[in-house]
Amino acid sequence: MAGAVGEIEIEGRRFAWAGVGRGPELLLLNGYAATGKDWDPTFLMRLARSLLVICPDNHGLGDSELGEASGLTIEAMAADLEALLDVLGVESLPVVAGRWEGSSPSSWHGGRPSALPAWR
């Protein structure tokens, strides 16, 4: 996958993501109020030399739909990521995360703690 943009449906709403590069997967999680498109292009291209970099748009931002506002929780965002990884067939991957305003992105791994083998 040299470069891809995709979306999946979760509970009737669109969840968007982009991927660039080839190789082992790396998930880039931006802070809540940012999208996958907000990462610096030079940074992405350097990572993409040896990795498949996956950049989702958070629940309700960018090309991802909000759905019911009452459903906007860290748990719902975690479920979005779980669904995306399932669709992509990814069982485990390292994560680089921006600031999540009072919550650690490690909270998203839920029932799949092995999905974060190299938390840094």
N, C-alpha and C. Protein backbone atom coordinates (compact mmCIF):
# COMPACT_ATOMS: atom_id res chain seq x y z
N MET A 1 0.85 -1.18 0.00
CA MET A 1 0.00 0.00 0.00
C MET A 1 0.89 1.24 0.00
N ALA A 2 1.04 1.89 -1.10
CA ALA A 2 1.85 3.10 -1.18
C ALA A 2 1.12 4.27 -0.54
N GLY A 3 -0.14 4.41 -0.79
CA GLY A 3 -0.95 5.47 -0.20
C GLY A 3 -2.40 5.08 -0.36
N ALA A 4 -3.17 5.21 0.69
CA ALA A 4 -4.57 4.82 0.63
C ALA A 4 -5.40 5.70 1.54
N VAL A 5 -6.62 5.91 1.15
CA VAL A 5 -7.60 6.60 1.99
C VAL A 5 -8.78 5.65 2.07
N GLY A 6 -9.30 5.46 3.25
CA GLY A 6 -10.40 4.53 3.38
C GLY A 6 -11.39 4.99 4.43
N GLU A 7 -12.48 4.28 4.45
CA GLU A 7 -13.48 4.52 5.48
C GLU A 7 -14.19 3.21 5.76
N ILE A 8 -14.65 3.08 6.99
CA ILE A 8 -15.46 1.94 7.38
C ILE A 8 -16.73 2.50 8.01
N GLU A 9 -17.75 1.67 8.10
CA GLU A 9 -18.98 2.09 8.76
C GLU A 9 -19.02 1.47 10.14
N ILE A 10 -19.28 2.31 11.12
CA ILE A 10 -19.40 1.87 12.51
C ILE A 10 -20.72 2.40 13.04
N GLU A 11 -21.63 1.51 13.38
CA GLU A 11 -22.93 1.89 13.92
C GLU A 11 -23.60 2.98 13.09
N GLY A 12 -23.54 2.81 11.77
CA GLY A 12 -24.22 3.73 10.87
C GLY A 12 -23.51 5.02 10.57
N ARG A 13 -22.29 5.18 11.04
CA ARG A 13 -21.55 6.41 10.74
C ARG A 13 -20.21 6.07 10.11
N ARG A 14 -19.68 7.02 9.37
CA ARG A 14 -18.42 6.84 8.66
C ARG A 14 -17.23 7.11 9.59
N PHE A 15 -16.22 6.23 9.54
CA PHE A 15 -14.96 6.41 10.25
C PHE A 15 -13.86 6.37 9.20
N ALA A 16 -13.14 7.48 9.05
CA ALA A 16 -12.16 7.63 7.97
C ALA A 16 -10.72 7.46 8.47
N TRP A 17 -9.88 7.01 7.56
CA TRP A 17 -8.46 6.83 7.87
C TRP A 17 -7.66 6.99 6.58
N ALA A 18 -6.38 7.23 6.74
CA ALA A 18 -5.46 7.28 5.60
C ALA A 18 -4.24 6.45 5.97
N GLY A 19 -3.61 5.89 4.96
CA GLY A 19 -2.40 5.12 5.17
C GLY A 19 -1.38 5.47 4.11
N VAL A 20 -0.13 5.45 4.49
CA VAL A 20 0.94 5.75 3.54
C VAL A 20 2.14 4.88 3.88
N GLY A 21 2.83 4.39 2.85
CA GLY A 21 4.04 3.61 3.05
C GLY A 21 3.82 2.12 2.88
N ARG A 22 4.88 1.39 3.18
CA ARG A 22 4.87 -0.08 3.11
C ARG A 22 5.70 -0.61 4.26
N GLY A 23 5.29 -1.76 4.75
CA GLY A 23 6.05 -2.40 5.81
C GLY A 23 5.16 -2.65 7.02
N PRO A 24 5.78 -2.86 8.17
CA PRO A 24 5.02 -3.08 9.40
C PRO A 24 4.16 -1.84 9.70
N GLU A 25 3.02 -2.08 10.30
CA GLU A 25 2.08 -0.99 10.59
C GLU A 25 2.52 -0.16 11.79
N LEU A 26 2.21 1.13 11.71
CA LEU A 26 2.39 2.08 12.81
C LEU A 26 1.13 2.93 12.85
N LEU A 27 0.52 3.05 14.02
CA LEU A 27 -0.68 3.87 14.18
C LEU A 27 -0.29 5.22 14.74
N LEU A 28 -0.67 6.29 14.03
CA LEU A 28 -0.46 7.65 14.53
C LEU A 28 -1.81 8.18 15.03
N LEU A 29 -1.89 8.43 16.32
CA LEU A 29 -3.11 8.96 16.93
C LEU A 29 -2.89 10.42 17.28
N ASN A 30 -3.62 11.29 16.64
CA ASN A 30 -3.52 12.70 16.96
C ASN A 30 -4.33 13.00 18.20
N GLY A 31 -4.11 14.16 18.79
CA GLY A 31 -4.92 14.58 19.92
C GLY A 31 -6.37 14.67 19.49
N TYR A 32 -7.29 14.74 20.45
CA TYR A 32 -8.71 14.66 20.11
C TYR A 32 -9.13 15.69 19.05
N ALA A 33 -8.71 16.92 19.16
CA ALA A 33 -9.21 17.98 18.28
C ALA A 33 -8.43 18.07 16.96
N ALA A 34 -7.82 16.99 16.54
CA ALA A 34 -7.04 16.99 15.30
C ALA A 34 -7.46 15.80 14.44
N THR A 35 -7.08 15.87 13.18
CA THR A 35 -7.40 14.79 12.25
C THR A 35 -6.13 14.08 11.82
N GLY A 36 -6.30 13.00 11.11
CA GLY A 36 -5.14 12.28 10.58
C GLY A 36 -4.37 13.10 9.56
N LYS A 37 -5.02 14.10 8.99
CA LYS A 37 -4.37 14.95 7.99
C LYS A 37 -3.49 16.04 8.62
N ASP A 38 -3.54 16.17 9.93
CA ASP A 38 -2.79 17.23 10.60
C ASP A 38 -1.33 16.88 10.88
N TRP A 39 -0.92 15.65 10.61
CA TRP A 39 0.48 15.28 10.81
C TRP A 39 1.35 15.97 9.77
N ASP A 40 2.55 16.33 10.15
CA ASP A 40 3.49 16.99 9.25
C ASP A 40 3.84 16.06 8.09
N PRO A 41 3.69 16.51 6.84
CA PRO A 41 3.96 15.66 5.69
C PRO A 41 5.39 15.13 5.63
N THR A 42 6.36 15.93 6.04
CA THR A 42 7.76 15.47 6.03
C THR A 42 7.94 14.33 7.03
N PHE A 43 7.35 14.48 8.21
CA PHE A 43 7.38 13.43 9.23
C PHE A 43 6.77 12.15 8.68
N LEU A 44 5.59 12.27 8.05
CA LEU A 44 4.92 11.09 7.48
C LEU A 44 5.77 10.41 6.42
N MET A 45 6.35 11.17 5.52
CA MET A 45 7.14 10.58 4.44
C MET A 45 8.37 9.87 4.97
N ARG A 46 8.97 10.42 6.01
CA ARG A 46 10.14 9.74 6.60
C ARG A 46 9.72 8.41 7.23
N LEU A 47 8.62 8.40 7.95
CA LEU A 47 8.13 7.16 8.53
C LEU A 47 7.74 6.15 7.45
N ALA A 48 7.13 6.66 6.38
CA ALA A 48 6.61 5.80 5.31
C ALA A 48 7.71 5.12 4.50
N ARG A 49 8.94 5.50 4.69
CA ARG A 49 10.05 4.83 3.99
C ARG A 49 10.13 3.35 4.39
N SER A 50 9.76 3.06 5.64
CA SER A 50 9.90 1.68 6.09
C SER A 50 8.68 1.15 6.85
N LEU A 51 7.62 1.95 6.92
CA LEU A 51 6.44 1.54 7.68
C LEU A 51 5.17 1.85 6.90
N LEU A 52 4.11 1.12 7.20
CA LEU A 52 2.78 1.49 6.75
C LEU A 52 2.18 2.33 7.87
N VAL A 53 2.07 3.62 7.64
CA VAL A 53 1.61 4.57 8.65
C VAL A 53 0.10 4.75 8.50
N ILE A 54 -0.64 4.46 9.56
CA ILE A 54 -2.10 4.55 9.57
C ILE A 54 -2.50 5.76 10.40
N CYS A 55 -3.26 6.67 9.78
CA CYS A 55 -3.66 7.92 10.42
C CYS A 55 -5.18 8.06 10.39
N PRO A 56 -5.87 7.71 11.46
CA PRO A 56 -7.34 7.86 11.46
C PRO A 56 -7.77 9.27 11.78
N ASP A 57 -8.97 9.62 11.32
CA ASP A 57 -9.64 10.84 11.75
C ASP A 57 -10.48 10.46 12.96
N ASN A 58 -10.26 11.15 14.06
CA ASN A 58 -10.99 10.83 15.28
C ASN A 58 -12.50 10.95 15.09
N HIS A 59 -13.21 10.23 15.91
CA HIS A 59 -14.68 10.22 15.97
C HIS A 59 -15.21 11.66 15.94
N GLY A 60 -15.95 12.00 14.88
CA GLY A 60 -16.55 13.33 14.78
C GLY A 60 -15.68 14.41 14.18
N LEU A 61 -14.49 14.07 13.70
CA LEU A 61 -13.58 15.07 13.14
C LEU A 61 -13.12 14.66 11.75
N GLY A 62 -12.69 15.65 10.97
CA GLY A 62 -12.23 15.36 9.61
C GLY A 62 -13.33 14.70 8.81
N ASP A 63 -13.00 13.58 8.19
CA ASP A 63 -13.97 12.85 7.38
C ASP A 63 -14.74 11.79 8.16
N SER A 64 -14.50 11.70 9.47
CA SER A 64 -15.24 10.76 10.32
C SER A 64 -16.47 11.44 10.89
N GLU A 65 -17.59 10.75 10.81
CA GLU A 65 -18.84 11.33 11.30
C GLU A 65 -18.97 11.21 12.82
N LEU A 66 -19.70 12.15 13.39
CA LEU A 66 -19.91 12.16 14.83
C LEU A 66 -20.94 11.13 15.27
N GLY A 67 -22.04 11.02 14.56
CA GLY A 67 -23.13 10.19 15.04
C GLY A 67 -23.80 10.89 16.21
N GLU A 68 -24.30 10.14 17.17
CA GLU A 68 -24.95 10.73 18.34
C GLU A 68 -23.89 11.38 19.23
N ALA A 69 -24.10 12.64 19.58
CA ALA A 69 -23.13 13.36 20.41
C ALA A 69 -22.92 12.67 21.76
N SER A 70 -23.95 12.01 22.28
CA SER A 70 -23.83 11.32 23.56
C SER A 70 -22.86 10.14 23.47
N GLY A 71 -22.57 9.71 22.25
CA GLY A 71 -21.65 8.59 22.06
C GLY A 71 -20.20 9.00 21.94
N LEU A 72 -19.91 10.28 22.11
CA LEU A 72 -18.53 10.75 21.98
C LEU A 72 -17.81 10.60 23.32
N THR A 73 -17.20 9.44 23.50
CA THR A 73 -16.47 9.12 24.72
C THR A 73 -15.14 8.48 24.34
N ILE A 74 -14.24 8.41 25.29
CA ILE A 74 -12.97 7.72 25.05
C ILE A 74 -13.24 6.26 24.68
N GLU A 75 -14.23 5.65 25.33
CA GLU A 75 -14.57 4.26 25.02
C GLU A 75 -15.04 4.11 23.57
N ALA A 76 -15.85 5.07 23.10
CA ALA A 76 -16.33 5.02 21.72
C ALA A 76 -15.17 5.21 20.74
N MET A 77 -14.25 6.11 21.08
CA MET A 77 -13.08 6.31 20.22
C MET A 77 -12.22 5.04 20.20
N ALA A 78 -12.12 4.39 21.34
CA ALA A 78 -11.37 3.13 21.41
C ALA A 78 -12.04 2.07 20.53
N ALA A 79 -13.36 2.02 20.58
CA ALA A 79 -14.08 1.05 19.75
C ALA A 79 -13.87 1.33 18.27
N ASP A 80 -13.79 2.60 17.90
CA ASP A 80 -13.50 2.96 16.50
C ASP A 80 -12.16 2.38 16.07
N LEU A 81 -11.16 2.55 16.91
CA LEU A 81 -9.82 2.04 16.58
C LEU A 81 -9.80 0.52 16.50
N GLU A 82 -10.50 -0.13 17.44
CA GLU A 82 -10.59 -1.59 17.41
C GLU A 82 -11.22 -2.06 16.10
N ALA A 83 -12.30 -1.39 15.69
CA ALA A 83 -12.98 -1.77 14.45
C ALA A 83 -12.07 -1.57 13.25
N LEU A 84 -11.34 -0.47 13.22
CA LEU A 84 -10.42 -0.21 12.12
C LEU A 84 -9.33 -1.28 12.04
N LEU A 85 -8.73 -1.60 13.17
CA LEU A 85 -7.68 -2.63 13.18
C LEU A 85 -8.22 -3.98 12.75
N ASP A 86 -9.44 -4.29 13.16
CA ASP A 86 -10.06 -5.55 12.75
C ASP A 86 -10.23 -5.60 11.23
N VAL A 87 -10.76 -4.51 10.65
CA VAL A 87 -10.96 -4.46 9.20
C VAL A 87 -9.63 -4.57 8.45
N LEU A 88 -8.60 -3.92 8.98
CA LEU A 88 -7.29 -3.96 8.33
C LEU A 88 -6.53 -5.26 8.61
N GLY A 89 -7.06 -6.08 9.51
CA GLY A 89 -6.40 -7.34 9.83
C GLY A 89 -5.13 -7.18 10.65
N VAL A 90 -5.08 -6.13 11.45
CA VAL A 90 -3.90 -5.83 12.27
C VAL A 90 -4.15 -6.30 13.69
N GLU A 91 -3.28 -7.17 14.19
CA GLU A 91 -3.44 -7.68 15.55
C GLU A 91 -2.62 -6.91 16.56
N SER A 92 -1.47 -6.40 16.15
CA SER A 92 -0.57 -5.73 17.06
C SER A 92 0.22 -4.69 16.29
N LEU A 93 0.44 -3.51 16.90
CA LEU A 93 1.22 -2.48 16.24
C LEU A 93 1.67 -1.45 17.25
N PRO A 94 2.80 -0.80 16.99
CA PRO A 94 3.21 0.30 17.85
C PRO A 94 2.36 1.54 17.55
N VAL A 95 2.31 2.44 18.53
CA VAL A 95 1.48 3.63 18.44
C VAL A 95 2.31 4.86 18.78
N VAL A 96 2.13 5.91 18.00
CA VAL A 96 2.66 7.23 18.34
C VAL A 96 1.44 8.10 18.55
N ALA A 97 1.36 8.75 19.70
CA ALA A 97 0.14 9.49 20.03
C ALA A 97 0.43 10.93 20.40
N GLY A 98 -0.46 11.80 19.95
CA GLY A 98 -0.45 13.18 20.38
C GLY A 98 -1.15 13.29 21.73
N ARG A 99 -1.35 14.48 22.18
CA ARG A 99 -1.99 14.71 23.48
C ARG A 99 -3.48 14.43 23.41
N TRP A 100 -3.98 13.69 24.39
CA TRP A 100 -5.39 13.32 24.45
C TRP A 100 -6.11 14.00 25.61
N GLU A 101 -5.74 15.19 25.98
CA GLU A 101 -6.45 15.99 26.98
C GLU A 101 -7.00 15.17 28.15
N GLY A 102 -6.12 14.79 29.04
CA GLY A 102 -6.56 14.15 30.26
C GLY A 102 -6.76 12.65 30.18
N SER A 103 -6.48 12.06 29.03
CA SER A 103 -6.64 10.62 28.91
C SER A 103 -5.46 10.06 28.14
N SER A 104 -4.98 8.94 28.56
CA SER A 104 -3.90 8.29 27.85
C SER A 104 -4.45 7.48 26.69
N PRO A 105 -3.82 7.57 25.51
CA PRO A 105 -4.29 6.74 24.41
C PRO A 105 -4.17 5.26 24.69
N SER A 106 -3.38 4.89 25.71
CA SER A 106 -3.30 3.47 26.04
C SER A 106 -4.64 2.95 26.54
N SER A 107 -5.55 3.86 26.93
CA SER A 107 -6.86 3.42 27.39
C SER A 107 -7.70 2.84 26.27
N TRP A 108 -7.33 3.07 25.02
CA TRP A 108 -8.14 2.56 23.92
C TRP A 108 -7.99 1.07 23.71
N HIS A 109 -6.91 0.47 24.16
CA HIS A 109 -6.66 -0.92 23.77
C HIS A 109 -7.65 -1.91 24.35
N GLY A 110 -8.41 -1.51 25.35
CA GLY A 110 -9.52 -2.33 25.85
C GLY A 110 -9.18 -3.78 26.02
N GLY A 111 -9.88 -4.63 25.31
CA GLY A 111 -9.70 -6.07 25.42
C GLY A 111 -8.54 -6.60 24.61
N ARG A 112 -7.74 -5.73 24.04
CA ARG A 112 -6.63 -6.18 23.21
C ARG A 112 -5.33 -5.52 23.68
N PRO A 113 -4.90 -5.77 24.92
CA PRO A 113 -3.67 -5.12 25.40
C PRO A 113 -2.45 -5.47 24.57
N SER A 114 -2.46 -6.60 23.90
CA SER A 114 -1.30 -6.97 23.08
C SER A 114 -1.21 -6.10 21.84
N ALA A 115 -2.22 -5.26 21.58
CA ALA A 115 -2.19 -4.39 20.41
C ALA A 115 -1.14 -3.29 20.59
N LEU A 116 -0.66 -3.10 21.81
CA LEU A 116 0.34 -2.07 22.07
C LEU A 116 1.64 -2.72 22.55
N PRO A 117 2.40 -3.33 21.65
CA PRO A 117 3.60 -4.03 22.10
C PRO A 117 4.75 -3.13 22.47
N ALA A 118 4.76 -1.92 21.94
CA ALA A 118 5.92 -1.05 22.15
C ALA A 118 5.47 0.36 22.47
N TRP A 119 4.91 0.53 23.65
CA TRP A 119 4.43 1.85 24.03
C TRP A 119 5.61 2.73 24.38
N ARG A 120 5.75 3.87 23.70
CA ARG A 120 6.87 4.77 23.94
C ARG A 120 6.38 6.17 24.05
